[in-house]
Amino acid sequence: MTHVERQWIATGEQQRVDPDMLVDRLPDYDPRTGDHLWMIVTSYRVVPEQWQDRTHTPMLDRENLLSITVPCCYYCEQAWTKRLASRRCPGEPR
């Protein structure tokens, strides 16, 4: 691992992350399709001092897991239900 690379390890899986790489891969809302973007957000406990140390490999695993949200749509910010999933996404919170 070089100074411009960082490894993220969770339950044995390794993911290489380049600090200069754009990580935000959320697509823009497309009103033509009205598709929801379903997601589940997880939160992990981190130590800021270790986060800034390029030689430290943060552990994103069960021991540091703080919360997991219910599935929700990124665009309309509504929790998943069968009814909502069968409808077009309005594209913004109501």
N, C-alpha and C. Protein backbone atom coordinates (compact mmCIF):
# COMPACT_ATOMS: atom_id res chain seq x y z
N MET A 1 0.85 -1.18 0.00
CA MET A 1 0.00 0.00 0.00
C MET A 1 0.90 1.23 0.00
N THR A 2 0.67 2.12 -0.95
CA THR A 2 1.45 3.34 -1.03
C THR A 2 0.76 4.45 -0.27
N HIS A 3 1.40 5.62 -0.21
CA HIS A 3 0.81 6.73 0.53
C HIS A 3 -0.44 7.29 -0.15
N VAL A 4 -0.68 6.99 -1.43
CA VAL A 4 -1.88 7.49 -2.10
C VAL A 4 -2.99 6.45 -2.16
N GLU A 5 -2.73 5.28 -1.60
CA GLU A 5 -3.74 4.24 -1.57
C GLU A 5 -4.12 3.94 -0.13
N ARG A 6 -5.33 3.43 0.05
CA ARG A 6 -5.79 3.05 1.37
C ARG A 6 -6.67 1.83 1.23
N GLN A 7 -6.56 0.89 2.14
CA GLN A 7 -7.37 -0.31 2.10
C GLN A 7 -8.47 -0.19 3.14
N TRP A 8 -9.64 -0.63 2.75
CA TRP A 8 -10.78 -0.70 3.65
C TRP A 8 -11.13 -2.17 3.76
N ILE A 9 -11.20 -2.68 4.98
CA ILE A 9 -11.41 -4.11 5.17
C ILE A 9 -12.68 -4.32 5.98
N ALA A 10 -13.55 -5.19 5.49
CA ALA A 10 -14.78 -5.53 6.21
C ALA A 10 -15.06 -7.00 6.00
N THR A 11 -15.13 -7.75 7.07
CA THR A 11 -15.41 -9.18 7.05
C THR A 11 -14.60 -9.93 6.00
N GLY A 12 -13.33 -9.61 5.90
CA GLY A 12 -12.45 -10.34 5.00
C GLY A 12 -12.39 -9.80 3.58
N GLU A 13 -13.30 -8.92 3.21
CA GLU A 13 -13.29 -8.33 1.87
C GLU A 13 -12.39 -7.10 1.89
N GLN A 14 -11.60 -6.91 0.86
CA GLN A 14 -10.74 -5.73 0.78
C GLN A 14 -11.18 -4.86 -0.38
N GLN A 15 -11.21 -3.55 -0.13
CA GLN A 15 -11.58 -2.58 -1.15
C GLN A 15 -10.51 -1.51 -1.19
N ARG A 16 -9.86 -1.33 -2.33
CA ARG A 16 -8.84 -0.29 -2.47
C ARG A 16 -9.54 1.03 -2.76
N VAL A 17 -9.17 2.06 -2.00
CA VAL A 17 -9.76 3.39 -2.18
C VAL A 17 -8.63 4.39 -2.36
N ASP A 18 -8.63 5.08 -3.48
CA ASP A 18 -7.66 6.13 -3.74
C ASP A 18 -8.23 7.42 -3.16
N PRO A 19 -7.52 8.08 -2.25
CA PRO A 19 -8.06 9.31 -1.63
C PRO A 19 -8.43 10.39 -2.63
N ASP A 20 -7.81 10.40 -3.79
CA ASP A 20 -8.11 11.41 -4.79
C ASP A 20 -9.30 11.02 -5.67
N MET A 21 -9.79 9.79 -5.50
CA MET A 21 -10.89 9.30 -6.32
C MET A 21 -12.21 9.86 -5.80
N LEU A 22 -13.08 10.23 -6.71
CA LEU A 22 -14.41 10.67 -6.33
C LEU A 22 -15.23 9.46 -5.92
N VAL A 23 -15.70 9.42 -4.68
CA VAL A 23 -16.40 8.25 -4.16
C VAL A 23 -17.90 8.37 -4.35
N ASP A 24 -18.42 9.58 -4.50
CA ASP A 24 -19.86 9.80 -4.65
C ASP A 24 -20.30 9.31 -6.03
N ARG A 25 -20.97 8.17 -6.07
CA ARG A 25 -21.40 7.58 -7.33
C ARG A 25 -22.92 7.57 -7.47
N LEU A 26 -23.60 8.48 -6.80
CA LEU A 26 -25.05 8.53 -6.85
C LEU A 26 -25.50 9.16 -8.17
N PRO A 27 -26.32 8.44 -8.94
CA PRO A 27 -26.78 9.02 -10.19
C PRO A 27 -27.83 10.11 -9.95
N ASP A 28 -27.89 11.06 -10.85
CA ASP A 28 -28.90 12.10 -10.77
C ASP A 28 -30.28 11.50 -11.00
N TYR A 29 -31.29 12.09 -10.39
CA TYR A 29 -32.67 11.64 -10.58
C TYR A 29 -33.08 11.86 -12.04
N ASP A 30 -33.73 10.87 -12.62
CA ASP A 30 -34.21 10.95 -14.00
C ASP A 30 -35.74 11.00 -13.99
N PRO A 31 -36.35 12.16 -14.23
CA PRO A 31 -37.81 12.27 -14.17
C PRO A 31 -38.50 11.45 -15.26
N ARG A 32 -37.78 11.08 -16.32
CA ARG A 32 -38.39 10.28 -17.39
C ARG A 32 -38.73 8.88 -16.91
N THR A 33 -37.89 8.31 -16.03
CA THR A 33 -38.14 6.94 -15.56
C THR A 33 -38.90 6.92 -14.25
N GLY A 34 -38.65 7.90 -13.37
CA GLY A 34 -39.30 7.92 -12.06
C GLY A 34 -38.81 6.80 -11.16
N ASP A 35 -37.63 6.26 -11.46
CA ASP A 35 -37.08 5.17 -10.66
C ASP A 35 -36.61 5.66 -9.30
N HIS A 36 -36.92 4.88 -8.27
CA HIS A 36 -36.37 5.14 -6.94
C HIS A 36 -34.92 4.67 -6.91
N LEU A 37 -34.12 5.24 -6.04
CA LEU A 37 -32.77 4.74 -5.78
C LEU A 37 -32.79 4.22 -4.34
N TRP A 38 -33.02 2.90 -4.20
CA TRP A 38 -33.13 2.29 -2.87
C TRP A 38 -31.74 2.11 -2.30
N MET A 39 -31.58 2.44 -1.03
CA MET A 39 -30.28 2.32 -0.37
C MET A 39 -30.46 2.01 1.11
N ILE A 40 -29.43 1.46 1.68
CA ILE A 40 -29.36 1.21 3.12
C ILE A 40 -28.08 1.88 3.61
N VAL A 41 -28.21 2.73 4.60
CA VAL A 41 -27.07 3.48 5.12
C VAL A 41 -26.56 2.80 6.38
N THR A 42 -25.26 2.60 6.44
CA THR A 42 -24.64 2.05 7.64
C THR A 42 -23.70 3.09 8.23
N SER A 43 -23.57 3.07 9.55
CA SER A 43 -22.68 4.00 10.25
C SER A 43 -21.67 3.20 11.06
N TYR A 44 -20.42 3.66 11.04
CA TYR A 44 -19.34 3.00 11.77
C TYR A 44 -18.65 3.99 12.69
N ARG A 45 -18.19 3.49 13.82
CA ARG A 45 -17.39 4.29 14.75
C ARG A 45 -15.97 4.38 14.19
N VAL A 46 -15.43 5.60 14.15
CA VAL A 46 -14.06 5.81 13.68
C VAL A 46 -13.31 6.69 14.67
N VAL A 47 -12.00 6.62 14.63
CA VAL A 47 -11.14 7.46 15.46
C VAL A 47 -10.45 8.45 14.52
N PRO A 48 -10.79 9.75 14.64
CA PRO A 48 -10.24 10.73 13.68
C PRO A 48 -8.72 10.71 13.56
N GLU A 49 -8.01 10.50 14.66
CA GLU A 49 -6.55 10.49 14.59
C GLU A 49 -6.06 9.34 13.72
N GLN A 50 -6.71 8.18 13.83
CA GLN A 50 -6.32 7.04 13.00
C GLN A 50 -6.76 7.26 11.55
N TRP A 51 -7.89 7.92 11.36
CA TRP A 51 -8.41 8.17 10.03
C TRP A 51 -7.42 8.98 9.20
N GLN A 52 -6.71 9.92 9.83
CA GLN A 52 -5.77 10.78 9.13
C GLN A 52 -4.41 10.14 8.94
N ASP A 53 -4.15 9.04 9.64
CA ASP A 53 -2.88 8.33 9.53
C ASP A 53 -2.94 7.42 8.31
N ARG A 54 -2.16 7.73 7.26
CA ARG A 54 -2.20 6.96 6.02
C ARG A 54 -1.66 5.54 6.18
N THR A 55 -0.97 5.25 7.27
CA THR A 55 -0.46 3.89 7.47
C THR A 55 -1.47 3.00 8.19
N HIS A 56 -2.55 3.60 8.71
CA HIS A 56 -3.56 2.85 9.43
C HIS A 56 -4.65 2.37 8.47
N THR A 57 -5.08 1.13 8.61
CA THR A 57 -6.16 0.59 7.80
C THR A 57 -7.43 0.56 8.65
N PRO A 58 -8.41 1.42 8.36
CA PRO A 58 -9.64 1.43 9.16
C PRO A 58 -10.40 0.12 9.02
N MET A 59 -11.00 -0.32 10.10
CA MET A 59 -11.79 -1.54 10.08
C MET A 59 -13.27 -1.17 10.06
N LEU A 60 -13.93 -1.48 8.98
CA LEU A 60 -15.37 -1.26 8.88
C LEU A 60 -16.01 -2.64 9.00
N ASP A 61 -16.18 -3.08 10.24
CA ASP A 61 -16.69 -4.42 10.49
C ASP A 61 -17.71 -4.41 11.63
N ARG A 62 -18.11 -5.56 12.07
CA ARG A 62 -19.17 -5.69 13.07
C ARG A 62 -18.82 -5.00 14.39
N GLU A 63 -17.56 -5.02 14.80
CA GLU A 63 -17.18 -4.42 16.07
C GLU A 63 -17.35 -2.90 16.07
N ASN A 64 -17.25 -2.27 14.92
CA ASN A 64 -17.37 -0.82 14.83
C ASN A 64 -18.71 -0.34 14.27
N LEU A 65 -19.59 -1.27 13.94
CA LEU A 65 -20.88 -0.93 13.36
C LEU A 65 -21.78 -0.28 14.41
N LEU A 66 -22.32 0.89 14.09
CA LEU A 66 -23.20 1.60 15.03
C LEU A 66 -24.67 1.46 14.66
N SER A 67 -24.99 1.57 13.37
CA SER A 67 -26.40 1.51 12.98
C SER A 67 -26.55 1.09 11.52
N ILE A 68 -27.73 0.55 11.22
CA ILE A 68 -28.13 0.22 9.86
C ILE A 68 -29.55 0.74 9.70
N THR A 69 -29.78 1.52 8.65
CA THR A 69 -31.12 2.07 8.45
C THR A 69 -31.99 1.09 7.66
N VAL A 70 -33.28 1.35 7.67
CA VAL A 70 -34.19 0.57 6.83
C VAL A 70 -33.97 1.02 5.39
N PRO A 71 -34.32 0.18 4.40
CA PRO A 71 -34.18 0.62 3.01
C PRO A 71 -35.02 1.87 2.77
N CYS A 72 -34.43 2.85 2.10
CA CYS A 72 -35.15 4.07 1.78
C CYS A 72 -34.67 4.59 0.43
N CYS A 73 -35.48 5.47 -0.15
CA CYS A 73 -35.14 6.06 -1.44
C CYS A 73 -34.28 7.30 -1.22
N TYR A 74 -33.17 7.36 -1.91
CA TYR A 74 -32.27 8.50 -1.79
C TYR A 74 -32.95 9.79 -2.27
N TYR A 75 -33.75 9.69 -3.32
CA TYR A 75 -34.35 10.88 -3.92
C TYR A 75 -35.52 11.44 -3.11
N CYS A 76 -36.52 10.59 -2.81
CA CYS A 76 -37.72 11.10 -2.13
C CYS A 76 -37.65 10.94 -0.61
N GLU A 77 -36.60 10.28 -0.11
CA GLU A 77 -36.34 10.12 1.33
C GLU A 77 -37.48 9.42 2.07
N GLN A 78 -38.13 8.48 1.40
CA GLN A 78 -39.20 7.70 2.02
C GLN A 78 -38.74 6.28 2.26
N ALA A 79 -39.17 5.69 3.37
CA ALA A 79 -38.82 4.30 3.67
C ALA A 79 -39.55 3.37 2.70
N TRP A 80 -38.90 2.24 2.39
CA TRP A 80 -39.45 1.28 1.44
C TRP A 80 -40.73 0.65 1.97
N THR A 81 -41.74 0.60 1.12
CA THR A 81 -42.95 -0.18 1.34
C THR A 81 -43.32 -0.76 -0.03
N LYS A 82 -44.13 -1.83 -0.03
CA LYS A 82 -44.56 -2.39 -1.32
C LYS A 82 -45.30 -1.33 -2.14
N ARG A 83 -46.14 -0.58 -1.45
CA ARG A 83 -46.93 0.45 -2.14
C ARG A 83 -46.03 1.51 -2.76
N LEU A 84 -45.06 2.03 -1.99
CA LEU A 84 -44.17 3.06 -2.52
C LEU A 84 -43.32 2.50 -3.65
N ALA A 85 -42.86 1.27 -3.53
CA ALA A 85 -42.01 0.67 -4.55
C ALA A 85 -42.74 0.51 -5.88
N SER A 86 -44.07 0.39 -5.84
CA SER A 86 -44.85 0.23 -7.07
C SER A 86 -45.20 1.56 -7.72
N ARG A 87 -44.87 2.67 -7.06
CA ARG A 87 -45.18 4.00 -7.59
C ARG A 87 -43.93 4.69 -8.13
N ARG A 88 -44.16 5.67 -8.97
CA ARG A 88 -43.05 6.48 -9.48
C ARG A 88 -42.47 7.33 -8.35
N CYS A 89 -41.20 7.55 -8.40
CA CYS A 89 -40.55 8.42 -7.42
C CYS A 89 -40.79 9.87 -7.82
N PRO A 90 -41.23 10.72 -6.87
CA PRO A 90 -41.44 12.13 -7.21
C PRO A 90 -40.13 12.89 -7.38
N GLY A 91 -39.03 12.31 -6.92
CA GLY A 91 -37.74 12.92 -7.13
C GLY A 91 -37.26 13.87 -6.06
N GLU A 92 -38.12 14.22 -5.14
CA GLU A 92 -37.70 15.10 -4.04
C GLU A 92 -38.61 14.83 -2.84
N PRO A 93 -38.14 15.14 -1.66
CA PRO A 93 -38.95 14.89 -0.46
C PRO A 93 -40.26 15.68 -0.52
N ARG A 94 -41.30 15.08 0.03
CA ARG A 94 -42.61 15.75 0.07
C ARG A 94 -42.74 16.58 1.31
